[in-house]
């Protein structure tokens, strides 16, 4: 089922051929940290050990195929800018594994 929905800009894909939008409004800081493994110290019994800090959960996200290759830096939207897209329940499939990507569904411009 397709539904027009208000979503928020998260990022343009590395290939510049798609855009990821979120239902929950992200911040630039959350997006910047999402691709990095942040180490934290954790007290475990009598020792301090190192572990990974949890990533921010962006909730439901939508992938929209859009050619952004000709956009300049001044034309890029800001993280969290609001847009209207047509959303679907169809999951985006990982091309390497053939499995559905968690929390990532197809969306369309318009």
PDB file of N, CA and C in Angstrom:
ATOM      1  N   UNK A   1       0.840  -1.180   0.000  1.00  0.00           N
ATOM      2  CA  UNK A   1       0.000   0.000   0.000  1.00  0.00           C
ATOM      3  C   UNK A   1       0.886   1.245   0.000  1.00  0.00           C
ATOM      4  N   UNK A   2       0.603   2.215  -0.838  1.00  0.00           N
ATOM      5  CA  UNK A   2       1.359   3.457  -0.929  1.00  0.00           C
ATOM      6  C   UNK A   2       0.606   4.574  -0.220  1.00  0.00           C
ATOM      7  N   UNK A   3       1.361   5.357   0.568  1.00  0.00           N
ATOM      8  CA  UNK A   3       0.766   6.447   1.343  1.00  0.00           C
ATOM      9  C   UNK A   3       1.691   7.657   1.257  1.00  0.00           C
ATOM     10  N   UNK A   4       1.138   8.837   1.058  1.00  0.00           N
ATOM     11  CA  UNK A   4       1.939  10.058   1.077  1.00  0.00           C
ATOM     12  C   UNK A   4       2.198  10.406   2.536  1.00  0.00           C
ATOM     13  N   UNK A   5       3.468  10.680   2.858  1.00  0.00           N
ATOM     14  CA  UNK A   5       3.850  10.869   4.252  1.00  0.00           C
ATOM     15  C   UNK A   5       4.898  11.969   4.365  1.00  0.00           C
ATOM     16  N   UNK A   6       4.875  12.682   5.505  1.00  0.00           N
ATOM     17  CA  UNK A   6       5.911  13.653   5.816  1.00  0.00           C
ATOM     18  C   UNK A   6       7.089  12.914   6.442  1.00  0.00           C
ATOM     19  N   UNK A   7       8.277  13.124   5.877  1.00  0.00           N
ATOM     20  CA  UNK A   7       9.497  12.488   6.353  1.00  0.00           C
ATOM     21  C   UNK A   7      10.586  13.547   6.438  1.00  0.00           C
ATOM     22  N   UNK A   8      11.741  13.144   6.988  1.00  0.00           N
ATOM     23  CA  UNK A   8      12.835  14.083   7.201  1.00  0.00           C
ATOM     24  C   UNK A   8      14.099  13.590   6.512  1.00  0.00           C
ATOM     25  N   UNK A   9      14.816  14.512   5.898  1.00  0.00           N
ATOM     26  CA  UNK A   9      16.037  14.183   5.176  1.00  0.00           C
ATOM     27  C   UNK A   9      17.097  13.671   6.143  1.00  0.00           C
ATOM     28  N   UNK A  10      17.713  12.523   5.772  1.00  0.00           N
ATOM     29  CA  UNK A  10      18.821  11.974   6.549  1.00  0.00           C
ATOM     30  C   UNK A  10      20.129  12.119   5.782  1.00  0.00           C
ATOM     31  N   UNK A  11      20.175  11.546   4.553  1.00  0.00           N
ATOM     32  CA  UNK A  11      21.416  11.626   3.792  1.00  0.00           C
ATOM     33  C   UNK A  11      21.200  11.249   2.334  1.00  0.00           C
ATOM     34  N   UNK A  12      22.175  11.639   1.529  1.00  0.00           N
ATOM     35  CA  UNK A  12      22.262  11.187   0.145  1.00  0.00           C
ATOM     36  C   UNK A  12      23.230  10.012   0.156  1.00  0.00           C
ATOM     37  N   UNK A  13      22.919   8.969  -0.583  1.00  0.00           N
ATOM     38  CA  UNK A  13      23.783   7.788  -0.599  1.00  0.00           C
ATOM     39  C   UNK A  13      25.148   8.120  -1.195  1.00  0.00           C
ATOM     40  N   UNK A  14      26.110   7.274  -0.907  1.00  0.00           N
ATOM     41  CA  UNK A  14      27.480   7.473  -1.383  1.00  0.00           C
ATOM     42  C   UNK A  14      27.535   7.537  -2.916  1.00  0.00           C
ATOM     43  N   UNK A  15      26.689   6.766  -3.577  1.00  0.00           N
ATOM     44  CA  UNK A  15      26.660   6.755  -5.044  1.00  0.00           C
ATOM     45  C   UNK A  15      25.981   7.998  -5.623  1.00  0.00           C
ATOM     46  N   UNK A  16      25.324   8.769  -4.770  1.00  0.00           N
ATOM     47  CA  UNK A  16      24.548   9.959  -5.154  1.00  0.00           C
ATOM     48  C   UNK A  16      23.357   9.619  -6.058  1.00  0.00           C
ATOM     49  N   UNK A  17      22.897   8.356  -5.979  1.00  0.00           N
ATOM     50  CA  UNK A  17      21.763   7.907  -6.791  1.00  0.00           C
ATOM     51  C   UNK A  17      20.517   7.657  -5.950  1.00  0.00           C
ATOM     52  N   UNK A  18      20.577   8.006  -4.665  1.00  0.00           N
ATOM     53  CA  UNK A  18      19.434   7.788  -3.798  1.00  0.00           C
ATOM     54  C   UNK A  18      19.498   8.660  -2.567  1.00  0.00           C
ATOM     55  N   UNK A  19      18.345   8.807  -1.920  1.00  0.00           N
ATOM     56  CA  UNK A  19      18.217   9.611  -0.708  1.00  0.00           C
ATOM     57  C   UNK A  19      17.519   8.777   0.355  1.00  0.00           C
ATOM     58  N   UNK A  20      17.996   8.912   1.597  1.00  0.00           N
ATOM     59  CA  UNK A  20      17.379   8.220   2.724  1.00  0.00           C
ATOM     60  C   UNK A  20      16.647   9.256   3.570  1.00  0.00           C
ATOM     61  N   UNK A  21      15.369   8.969   3.839  1.00  0.00           N
ATOM     62  CA  UNK A  21      14.530   9.816   4.676  1.00  0.00           C
ATOM     63  C   UNK A  21      14.111   9.034   5.917  1.00  0.00           C
ATOM     64  N   UNK A  22      13.829   9.733   7.016  1.00  0.00           N
ATOM     65  CA  UNK A  22      13.411   9.107   8.277  1.00  0.00           C
ATOM     66  C   UNK A  22      12.039   9.623   8.687  1.00  0.00           C
ATOM     67  N   UNK A  23      11.310   8.788   9.410  1.00  0.00           N
ATOM     68  CA  UNK A  23      10.040   9.211   9.988  1.00  0.00           C
ATOM     69  C   UNK A  23      10.317  10.087  11.221  1.00  0.00           C
ATOM     70  N   UNK A  24      11.343   9.716  11.996  1.00  0.00           N
ATOM     71  CA  UNK A  24      11.744  10.500  13.170  1.00  0.00           C
ATOM     72  C   UNK A  24      12.798  11.512  12.742  1.00  0.00           C
ATOM     73  N   UNK A  25      12.614  12.767  13.114  1.00  0.00           N
ATOM     74  CA  UNK A  25      13.522  13.835  12.679  1.00  0.00           C
ATOM     75  C   UNK A  25      14.929  13.621  13.239  1.00  0.00           C
ATOM     76  N   UNK A  26      15.928  13.428  12.363  1.00  0.00           N
ATOM     77  CA  UNK A  26      17.299  13.241  12.834  1.00  0.00           C
ATOM     78  C   UNK A  26      18.022  14.572  12.988  1.00  0.00           C
ATOM     79  N   UNK A  27      19.127  14.548  13.727  1.00  0.00           N
ATOM     80  CA  UNK A  27      19.999  15.719  13.812  1.00  0.00           C
ATOM     81  C   UNK A  27      21.275  15.413  13.030  1.00  0.00           C
ATOM     82  N   UNK A  28      21.987  16.447  12.644  1.00  0.00           N
ATOM     83  CA  UNK A  28      23.243  16.262  11.912  1.00  0.00           C
ATOM     84  C   UNK A  28      24.240  15.481  12.756  1.00  0.00           C
ATOM     85  N   UNK A  29      24.249  15.721  14.052  1.00  0.00           N
ATOM     86  CA  UNK A  29      25.172  15.014  14.946  1.00  0.00           C
ATOM     87  C   UNK A  29      24.864  13.517  14.975  1.00  0.00           C
ATOM     88  N   UNK A  30      23.588  13.153  15.047  1.00  0.00           N
ATOM     89  CA  UNK A  30      23.199  11.741  15.058  1.00  0.00           C
ATOM     90  C   UNK A  30      23.622  11.050  13.757  1.00  0.00           C
ATOM     91  N   UNK A  31      23.429  11.715  12.634  1.00  0.00           N
ATOM     92  CA  UNK A  31      23.790  11.128  11.334  1.00  0.00           C
ATOM     93  C   UNK A  31      25.304  10.981  11.231  1.00  0.00           C
ATOM     94  N   UNK A  32      26.046  11.992  11.670  1.00  0.00           N
ATOM     95  CA  UNK A  32      27.507  11.932  11.605  1.00  0.00           C
ATOM     96  C   UNK A  32      28.056  10.788  12.452  1.00  0.00           C
ATOM     97  N   UNK A  33      27.441  10.526  13.589  1.00  0.00           N
ATOM     98  CA  UNK A  33      27.904   9.473  14.489  1.00  0.00           C
ATOM     99  C   UNK A  33      27.452   8.084  14.056  1.00  0.00           C
ATOM    100  N   UNK A  34      26.449   7.997  13.183  1.00  0.00           N
ATOM    101  CA  UNK A  34      25.883   6.695  12.839  1.00  0.00           C
ATOM    102  C   UNK A  34      26.844   5.813  12.053  1.00  0.00           C
ATOM    103  N   UNK A  35      27.792   6.396  11.355  1.00  0.00           N
ATOM    104  CA  UNK A  35      28.724   5.598  10.580  1.00  0.00           C
ATOM    105  C   UNK A  35      30.015   5.281  11.311  1.00  0.00           C
ATOM    106  N   UNK A  36      30.128   5.725  12.561  1.00  0.00           N
ATOM    107  CA  UNK A  36      31.367   5.532  13.318  1.00  0.00           C
ATOM    108  C   UNK A  36      31.121   4.613  14.508  1.00  0.00           C
ATOM    109  N   UNK A  37      32.107   3.822  14.817  1.00  0.00           N
ATOM    110  CA  UNK A  37      32.041   2.973  16.003  1.00  0.00           C
ATOM    111  C   UNK A  37      32.631   3.754  17.171  1.00  0.00           C
ATOM    112  N   UNK A  38      31.797   4.108  18.121  1.00  0.00           N
ATOM    113  CA  UNK A  38      32.241   4.891  19.266  1.00  0.00           C
ATOM    114  C   UNK A  38      32.549   3.956  20.426  1.00  0.00           C
ATOM    115  N   UNK A  39      33.773   4.035  20.928  1.00  0.00           N
ATOM    116  CA  UNK A  39      34.214   3.199  22.040  1.00  0.00           C
ATOM    117  C   UNK A  39      33.917   3.898  23.362  1.00  0.00           C
ATOM    118  N   UNK A  40      33.471   3.138  24.338  1.00  0.00           N
ATOM    119  CA  UNK A  40      33.230   3.652  25.684  1.00  0.00           C
ATOM    120  C   UNK A  40      33.858   2.707  26.698  1.00  0.00           C
ATOM    121  N   UNK A  41      34.214   3.258  27.842  1.00  0.00           N
ATOM    122  CA  UNK A  41      34.720   2.437  28.942  1.00  0.00           C
ATOM    123  C   UNK A  41      33.548   1.988  29.792  1.00  0.00           C
ATOM    124  N   UNK A  42      33.615   0.755  30.278  1.00  0.00           N
ATOM    125  CA  UNK A  42      32.524   0.161  31.040  1.00  0.00           C
ATOM    126  C   UNK A  42      33.127  -0.561  32.238  1.00  0.00           C
ATOM    127  N   UNK A  43      32.638  -0.247  33.414  1.00  0.00           N
ATOM    128  CA  UNK A  43      33.117  -0.891  34.632  1.00  0.00           C
ATOM    129  C   UNK A  43      32.438  -2.250  34.756  1.00  0.00           C
ATOM    130  N   UNK A  44      33.236  -3.316  34.735  1.00  0.00           N
ATOM    131  CA  UNK A  44      32.734  -4.682  34.804  1.00  0.00           C
ATOM    132  C   UNK A  44      33.447  -5.377  35.957  1.00  0.00           C
ATOM    133  N   UNK A  45      32.732  -5.511  37.073  1.00  0.00           N
ATOM    134  CA  UNK A  45      33.360  -6.075  38.272  1.00  0.00           C
ATOM    135  C   UNK A  45      34.478  -5.167  38.731  1.00  0.00           C
ATOM    136  N   UNK A  46      35.679  -5.731  38.874  1.00  0.00           N
ATOM    137  CA  UNK A  46      36.819  -4.941  39.318  1.00  0.00           C
ATOM    138  C   UNK A  46      37.662  -4.387  38.196  1.00  0.00           C
ATOM    139  N   UNK A  47      37.205  -4.501  36.968  1.00  0.00           N
ATOM    140  CA  UNK A  47      37.995  -4.034  35.832  1.00  0.00           C
ATOM    141  C   UNK A  47      37.204  -3.057  34.978  1.00  0.00           C
ATOM    142  N   UNK A  48      37.917  -2.253  34.230  1.00  0.00           N
ATOM    143  CA  UNK A  48      37.305  -1.377  33.244  1.00  0.00           C
ATOM    144  C   UNK A  48      37.602  -1.961  31.869  1.00  0.00           C
ATOM    145  N   UNK A  49      36.538  -2.212  31.113  1.00  0.00           N
ATOM    146  CA  UNK A  49      36.662  -2.785  29.779  1.00  0.00           C
ATOM    147  C   UNK A  49      36.140  -1.792  28.747  1.00  0.00           C
ATOM    148  N   UNK A  50      36.470  -2.025  27.496  1.00  0.00           N
ATOM    149  CA  UNK A  50      36.046  -1.141  26.416  1.00  0.00           C
ATOM    150  C   UNK A  50      34.970  -1.835  25.593  1.00  0.00           C
ATOM    151  N   UNK A  51      33.964  -1.072  25.211  1.00  0.00           N
ATOM    152  CA  UNK A  51      32.891  -1.619  24.387  1.00  0.00           C
ATOM    153  C   UNK A  51      32.356  -0.570  23.433  1.00  0.00           C
ATOM    154  N   UNK A  52      31.423  -0.977  22.611  1.00  0.00           N
ATOM    155  CA  UNK A  52      30.803  -0.058  21.650  1.00  0.00           C
ATOM    156  C   UNK A  52      29.614   0.642  22.266  1.00  0.00           C
ATOM    157  N   UNK A  53      29.483   1.909  21.967  1.00  0.00           N
ATOM    158  CA  UNK A  53      28.315   2.685  22.364  1.00  0.00           C
ATOM    159  C   UNK A  53      27.203   2.411  21.344  1.00  0.00           C
ATOM    160  N   UNK A  54      25.971   2.362  21.800  1.00  0.00           N
ATOM    161  CA  UNK A  54      24.836   2.099  20.903  1.00  0.00           C
ATOM    162  C   UNK A  54      24.666   3.224  19.895  1.00  0.00           C
ATOM    163  N   UNK A  55      24.321   2.852  18.664  1.00  0.00           N
ATOM    164  CA  UNK A  55      24.028   3.835  17.634  1.00  0.00           C
ATOM    165  C   UNK A  55      22.636   4.403  17.863  1.00  0.00           C
ATOM    166  N   UNK A  56      22.407   5.597  17.343  1.00  0.00           N
ATOM    167  CA  UNK A  56      21.073   6.184  17.398  1.00  0.00           C
ATOM    168  C   UNK A  56      20.143   5.362  16.496  1.00  0.00           C
ATOM    169  N   UNK A  57      18.931   5.116  16.954  1.00  0.00           N
ATOM    170  CA  UNK A  57      17.930   4.401  16.160  1.00  0.00           C
ATOM    171  C   UNK A  57      17.090   5.439  15.427  1.00  0.00           C
ATOM    172  N   UNK A  58      17.178   5.443  14.112  1.00  0.00           N
ATOM    173  CA  UNK A  58      16.448   6.422  13.309  1.00  0.00           C
ATOM    174  C   UNK A  58      15.012   5.992  13.028  1.00  0.00           C
ATOM    175  N   UNK A  59      14.602   4.837  13.529  1.00  0.00           N
ATOM    176  CA  UNK A  59      13.244   4.357  13.286  1.00  0.00           C
ATOM    177  C   UNK A  59      13.054   3.971  11.830  1.00  0.00           C
ATOM    178  N   UNK A  60      11.823   4.012  11.367  1.00  0.00           N
ATOM    179  CA  UNK A  60      11.529   3.641   9.989  1.00  0.00           C
ATOM    180  C   UNK A  60      12.179   4.633   9.029  1.00  0.00           C
ATOM    181  N   UNK A  61      12.867   4.089   8.016  1.00  0.00           N
ATOM    182  CA  UNK A  61      13.522   4.911   7.013  1.00  0.00           C
ATOM    183  C   UNK A  61      13.028   4.490   5.632  1.00  0.00           C
ATOM    184  N   UNK A  62      13.134   5.427   4.690  1.00  0.00           N
ATOM    185  CA  UNK A  62      12.693   5.175   3.326  1.00  0.00           C
ATOM    186  C   UNK A  62      13.804   5.547   2.356  1.00  0.00           C
ATOM    187  N   UNK A  63      14.027   4.675   1.374  1.00  0.00           N
ATOM    188  CA  UNK A  63      15.013   4.910   0.327  1.00  0.00           C
ATOM    189  C   UNK A  63      14.279   5.344  -0.930  1.00  0.00           C
ATOM    190  N   UNK A  64      14.677   6.493  -1.470  1.00  0.00           N
ATOM    191  CA  UNK A  64      14.067   7.011  -2.700  1.00  0.00           C
ATOM    192  C   UNK A  64      15.169   7.141  -3.746  1.00  0.00           C
ATOM    193  N   UNK A  65      14.972   6.508  -4.904  1.00  0.00           N
ATOM    194  CA  UNK A  65      15.943   6.627  -5.990  1.00  0.00           C
ATOM    195  C   UNK A  65      15.805   8.006  -6.620  1.00  0.00           C
ATOM    196  N   UNK A  66      16.830   8.824  -6.423  1.00  0.00           N
ATOM    197  CA  UNK A  66      16.884  10.169  -6.998  1.00  0.00           C
ATOM    198  C   UNK A  66      18.316  10.418  -7.448  1.00  0.00           C
ATOM    199  N   UNK A  67      18.506  10.971  -8.621  1.00  0.00           N
ATOM    200  CA  UNK A  67      19.847  11.267  -9.106  1.00  0.00           C
ATOM    201  C   UNK A  67      20.292  12.610  -8.530  1.00  0.00           C
ATOM    202  N   UNK A  68      21.190  12.558  -7.569  1.00  0.00           N
ATOM    203  CA  UNK A  68      21.685  13.759  -6.891  1.00  0.00           C
ATOM    204  C   UNK A  68      23.108  14.103  -7.316  1.00  0.00           C
ATOM    205  N   UNK A  69      23.576  13.501  -8.397  1.00  0.00           N
ATOM    206  CA  UNK A  69      24.976  13.645  -8.809  1.00  0.00           C
ATOM    207  C   UNK A  69      25.353  15.060  -9.235  1.00  0.00           C
ATOM    208  N   UNK A  70      24.383  15.861  -9.629  1.00  0.00           N
ATOM    209  CA  UNK A  70      24.698  17.210 -10.098  1.00  0.00           C
ATOM    210  C   UNK A  70      24.437  18.289  -9.043  1.00  0.00           C
ATOM    211  N   UNK A  71      24.029  17.880  -7.847  1.00  0.00           N
ATOM    212  CA  UNK A  71      23.789  18.868  -6.795  1.00  0.00           C
ATOM    213  C   UNK A  71      25.103  19.441  -6.282  1.00  0.00           C
ATOM    214  N   UNK A  72      25.100  20.745  -6.033  1.00  0.00           N
ATOM    215  CA  UNK A  72      26.258  21.377  -5.406  1.00  0.00           C
ATOM    216  C   UNK A  72      26.037  21.410  -3.900  1.00  0.00           C
ATOM    217  N   UNK A  73      27.090  21.686  -3.138  1.00  0.00           N
ATOM    218  CA  UNK A  73      26.963  21.716  -1.672  1.00  0.00           C
ATOM    219  C   UNK A  73      25.909  22.717  -1.216  1.00  0.00           C
ATOM    220  N   UNK A  74      25.780  23.835  -1.910  1.00  0.00           N
ATOM    221  CA  UNK A  74      24.799  24.845  -1.508  1.00  0.00           C
ATOM    222  C   UNK A  74      23.368  24.411  -1.807  1.00  0.00           C
ATOM    223  N   UNK A  75      23.198  23.431  -2.696  1.00  0.00           N
ATOM    224  CA  UNK A  75      21.859  22.944  -3.043  1.00  0.00           C
ATOM    225  C   UNK A  75      21.396  21.801  -2.148  1.00  0.00           C
ATOM    226  N   UNK A  76      22.294  21.228  -1.362  1.00  0.00           N
ATOM    227  CA  UNK A  76      21.936  20.075  -0.534  1.00  0.00           C
ATOM    228  C   UNK A  76      20.980  20.477   0.578  1.00  0.00           C
ATOM    229  N   UNK A  77      19.987  19.649   0.871  1.00  0.00           N
ATOM    230  CA  UNK A  77      19.113  19.941   2.011  1.00  0.00           C
ATOM    231  C   UNK A  77      19.882  19.715   3.314  1.00  0.00           C
ATOM    232  N   UNK A  78      19.364  20.282   4.370  1.00  0.00           N
ATOM    233  CA  UNK A  78      19.967  20.083   5.691  1.00  0.00           C
ATOM    234  C   UNK A  78      19.358  18.839   6.333  1.00  0.00           C
ATOM    235  N   UNK A  79      20.151  18.145   7.130  1.00  0.00           N
ATOM    236  CA  UNK A  79      19.634  16.990   7.875  1.00  0.00           C
ATOM    237  C   UNK A  79      18.440  17.475   8.697  1.00  0.00           C
ATOM    238  N   UNK A  80      17.343  16.748   8.599  1.00  0.00           N
ATOM    239  CA  UNK A  80      16.131  17.095   9.340  1.00  0.00           C
ATOM    240  C   UNK A  80      15.135  17.927   8.548  1.00  0.00           C
ATOM    241  N   UNK A  81      15.504  18.390   7.329  1.00  0.00           N
ATOM    242  CA  UNK A  81      14.543  19.136   6.511  1.00  0.00           C
ATOM    243  C   UNK A  81      13.355  18.234   6.173  1.00  0.00           C
ATOM    244  N   UNK A  82      12.185  18.829   6.122  1.00  0.00           N
ATOM    245  CA  UNK A  82      10.931  18.089   5.922  1.00  0.00           C
ATOM    246  C   UNK A  82      10.592  17.958   4.441  1.00  0.00           C
ATOM    247  N   UNK A  83      10.130  16.758   4.058  1.00  0.00           N
ATOM    248  CA  UNK A  83       9.718  16.476   2.682  1.00  0.00           C
ATOM    249  C   UNK A  83       8.453  15.620   2.700  1.00  0.00           C
ATOM    250  N   UNK A  84       7.747  15.610   1.577  1.00  0.00           N
ATOM    251  CA  UNK A  84       6.599  14.730   1.362  1.00  0.00           C
ATOM    252  C   UNK A  84       7.003  13.697   0.316  1.00  0.00           C
ATOM    253  N   UNK A  85       6.887  12.422   0.645  1.00  0.00           N
ATOM    254  CA  UNK A  85       7.157  11.347  -0.320  1.00  0.00           C
ATOM    255  C   UNK A  85       6.012  10.342  -0.266  1.00  0.00           C
ATOM    256  N   UNK A  86       5.972   9.487  -1.255  1.00  0.00           N
ATOM    257  CA  UNK A  86       5.029   8.372  -1.262  1.00  0.00           C
ATOM    258  C   UNK A  86       5.769   7.181  -0.668  1.00  0.00           C
ATOM    259  N   UNK A  87       5.253   6.637   0.416  1.00  0.00           N
ATOM    260  CA  UNK A  87       5.909   5.526   1.107  1.00  0.00           C
ATOM    261  C   UNK A  87       5.215   4.204   0.776  1.00  0.00           C
ATOM    262  N   UNK A  88       5.969   3.120   0.917  1.00  0.00           N
ATOM    263  CA  UNK A  88       5.414   1.785   0.676  1.00  0.00           C
ATOM    264  C   UNK A  88       5.772   0.874   1.849  1.00  0.00           C
ATOM    265  N   UNK A  89       5.200  -0.321   1.850  1.00  0.00           N
ATOM    266  CA  UNK A  89       5.542  -1.345   2.834  1.00  0.00           C
ATOM    267  C   UNK A  89       6.598  -2.300   2.282  1.00  0.00           C
ATOM    268  N   UNK A  90       7.071  -2.037   1.068  1.00  0.00           N
ATOM    269  CA  UNK A  90       8.016  -2.938   0.404  1.00  0.00           C
ATOM    270  C   UNK A  90       9.435  -2.712   0.938  1.00  0.00           C
ATOM    271  N   UNK A  91      10.067  -3.746   1.512  1.00  0.00           N
ATOM    272  CA  UNK A  91      11.419  -3.579   2.060  1.00  0.00           C
ATOM    273  C   UNK A  91      12.472  -3.460   0.963  1.00  0.00           C
ATOM    274  N   UNK A  92      13.515  -2.702   1.258  1.00  0.00           N
ATOM    275  CA  UNK A  92      14.682  -2.632   0.376  1.00  0.00           C
ATOM    276  C   UNK A  92      15.515  -3.873   0.650  1.00  0.00           C
ATOM    277  N   UNK A  93      15.926  -4.555  -0.406  1.00  0.00           N
ATOM    278  CA  UNK A  93      16.695  -5.785  -0.259  1.00  0.00           C
ATOM    279  C   UNK A  93      18.188  -5.491  -0.386  1.00  0.00           C
ATOM    280  N   UNK A  94      18.986  -6.118   0.471  1.00  0.00           N
ATOM    281  CA  UNK A  94      20.434  -6.023   0.393  1.00  0.00           C
ATOM    282  C   UNK A  94      20.881  -6.792  -0.847  1.00  0.00           C
ATOM    283  N   UNK A  95      21.574  -6.129  -1.764  1.00  0.00           N
ATOM    284  CA  UNK A  95      21.951  -6.771  -3.026  1.00  0.00           C
ATOM    285  C   UNK A  95      22.994  -7.867  -2.823  1.00  0.00           C
ATOM    286  N   UNK A  96      23.779  -7.785  -1.752  1.00  0.00           N
ATOM    287  CA  UNK A  96      24.807  -8.803  -1.500  1.00  0.00           C
ATOM    288  C   UNK A  96      24.218 -10.070  -0.893  1.00  0.00           C
ATOM    289  N   UNK A  97      23.290  -9.900   0.075  1.00  0.00           N
ATOM    290  CA  UNK A  97      22.762 -11.051   0.803  1.00  0.00           C
ATOM    291  C   UNK A  97      21.391 -11.501   0.323  1.00  0.00           C
ATOM    292  N   UNK A  98      20.661 -10.618  -0.351  1.00  0.00           N
ATOM    293  CA  UNK A  98      19.311 -10.940  -0.784  1.00  0.00           C
ATOM    294  C   UNK A  98      18.282 -10.836   0.331  1.00  0.00           C
ATOM    295  N   UNK A  99      18.708 -10.342   1.510  1.00  0.00           N
ATOM    296  CA  UNK A  99      17.805 -10.215   2.653  1.00  0.00           C
ATOM    297  C   UNK A  99      17.268  -8.791   2.767  1.00  0.00           C
ATOM    298  N   UNK A 100      16.079  -8.686   3.361  1.00  0.00           N
ATOM    299  CA  UNK A 100      15.474  -7.375   3.594  1.00  0.00           C
ATOM    300  C   UNK A 100      16.320  -6.593   4.587  1.00  0.00           C
ATOM    301  N   UNK A 101      16.518  -5.310   4.310  1.00  0.00           N
ATOM    302  CA  UNK A 101      17.271  -4.450   5.217  1.00  0.00           C
ATOM    303  C   UNK A 101      16.321  -3.962   6.307  1.00  0.00           C
ATOM    304  N   UNK A 102      16.698  -4.123   7.578  1.00  0.00           N
ATOM    305  CA  UNK A 102      15.793  -3.735   8.663  1.00  0.00           C
ATOM    306  C   UNK A 102      15.504  -2.238   8.662  1.00  0.00           C
ATOM    307  N   UNK A 103      14.266  -1.878   8.861  1.00  0.00           N
ATOM    308  CA  UNK A 103      13.802  -0.486   8.958  1.00  0.00           C
ATOM    309  C   UNK A 103      14.034   0.344   7.704  1.00  0.00           C
ATOM    310  N   UNK A 104      14.200  -0.296   6.538  1.00  0.00           N
ATOM    311  CA  UNK A 104      14.394   0.464   5.297  1.00  0.00           C
ATOM    312  C   UNK A 104      13.406  -0.026   4.244  1.00  0.00           C
ATOM    313  N   UNK A 105      12.483   0.862   3.875  1.00  0.00           N
ATOM    314  CA  UNK A 105      11.440   0.541   2.894  1.00  0.00           C
ATOM    315  C   UNK A 105      11.607   1.456   1.680  1.00  0.00           C
ATOM    316  N   UNK A 106      10.966   1.090   0.584  1.00  0.00           N
ATOM    317  CA  UNK A 106      10.995   1.906  -0.624  1.00  0.00           C
ATOM    318  C   UNK A 106      10.067   3.100  -0.479  1.00  0.00           C
ATOM    319  N   UNK A 107      10.522   4.212  -1.006  1.00  0.00           N
ATOM    320  CA  UNK A 107       9.705   5.417  -1.105  1.00  0.00           C
ATOM    321  C   UNK A 107       9.866   5.976  -2.502  1.00  0.00           C
ATOM    322  N   UNK A 108       8.971   6.878  -2.868  1.00  0.00           N
ATOM    323  CA  UNK A 108       8.995   7.461  -4.213  1.00  0.00           C
ATOM    324  C   UNK A 108       8.733   8.949  -4.135  1.00  0.00           C
ATOM    325  N   UNK A 109       9.348   9.687  -5.061  1.00  0.00           N
ATOM    326  CA  UNK A 109       9.128  11.137  -5.140  1.00  0.00           C
ATOM    327  C   UNK A 109       7.679  11.383  -5.533  1.00  0.00           C
ATOM    328  N   UNK A 110       7.135  12.466  -5.064  1.00  0.00           N
ATOM    329  CA  UNK A 110       5.793  12.815  -5.483  1.00  0.00           C
ATOM    330  C   UNK A 110       4.857  12.722  -4.395  1.00  0.00           C
TER     331      UNK A 110
END
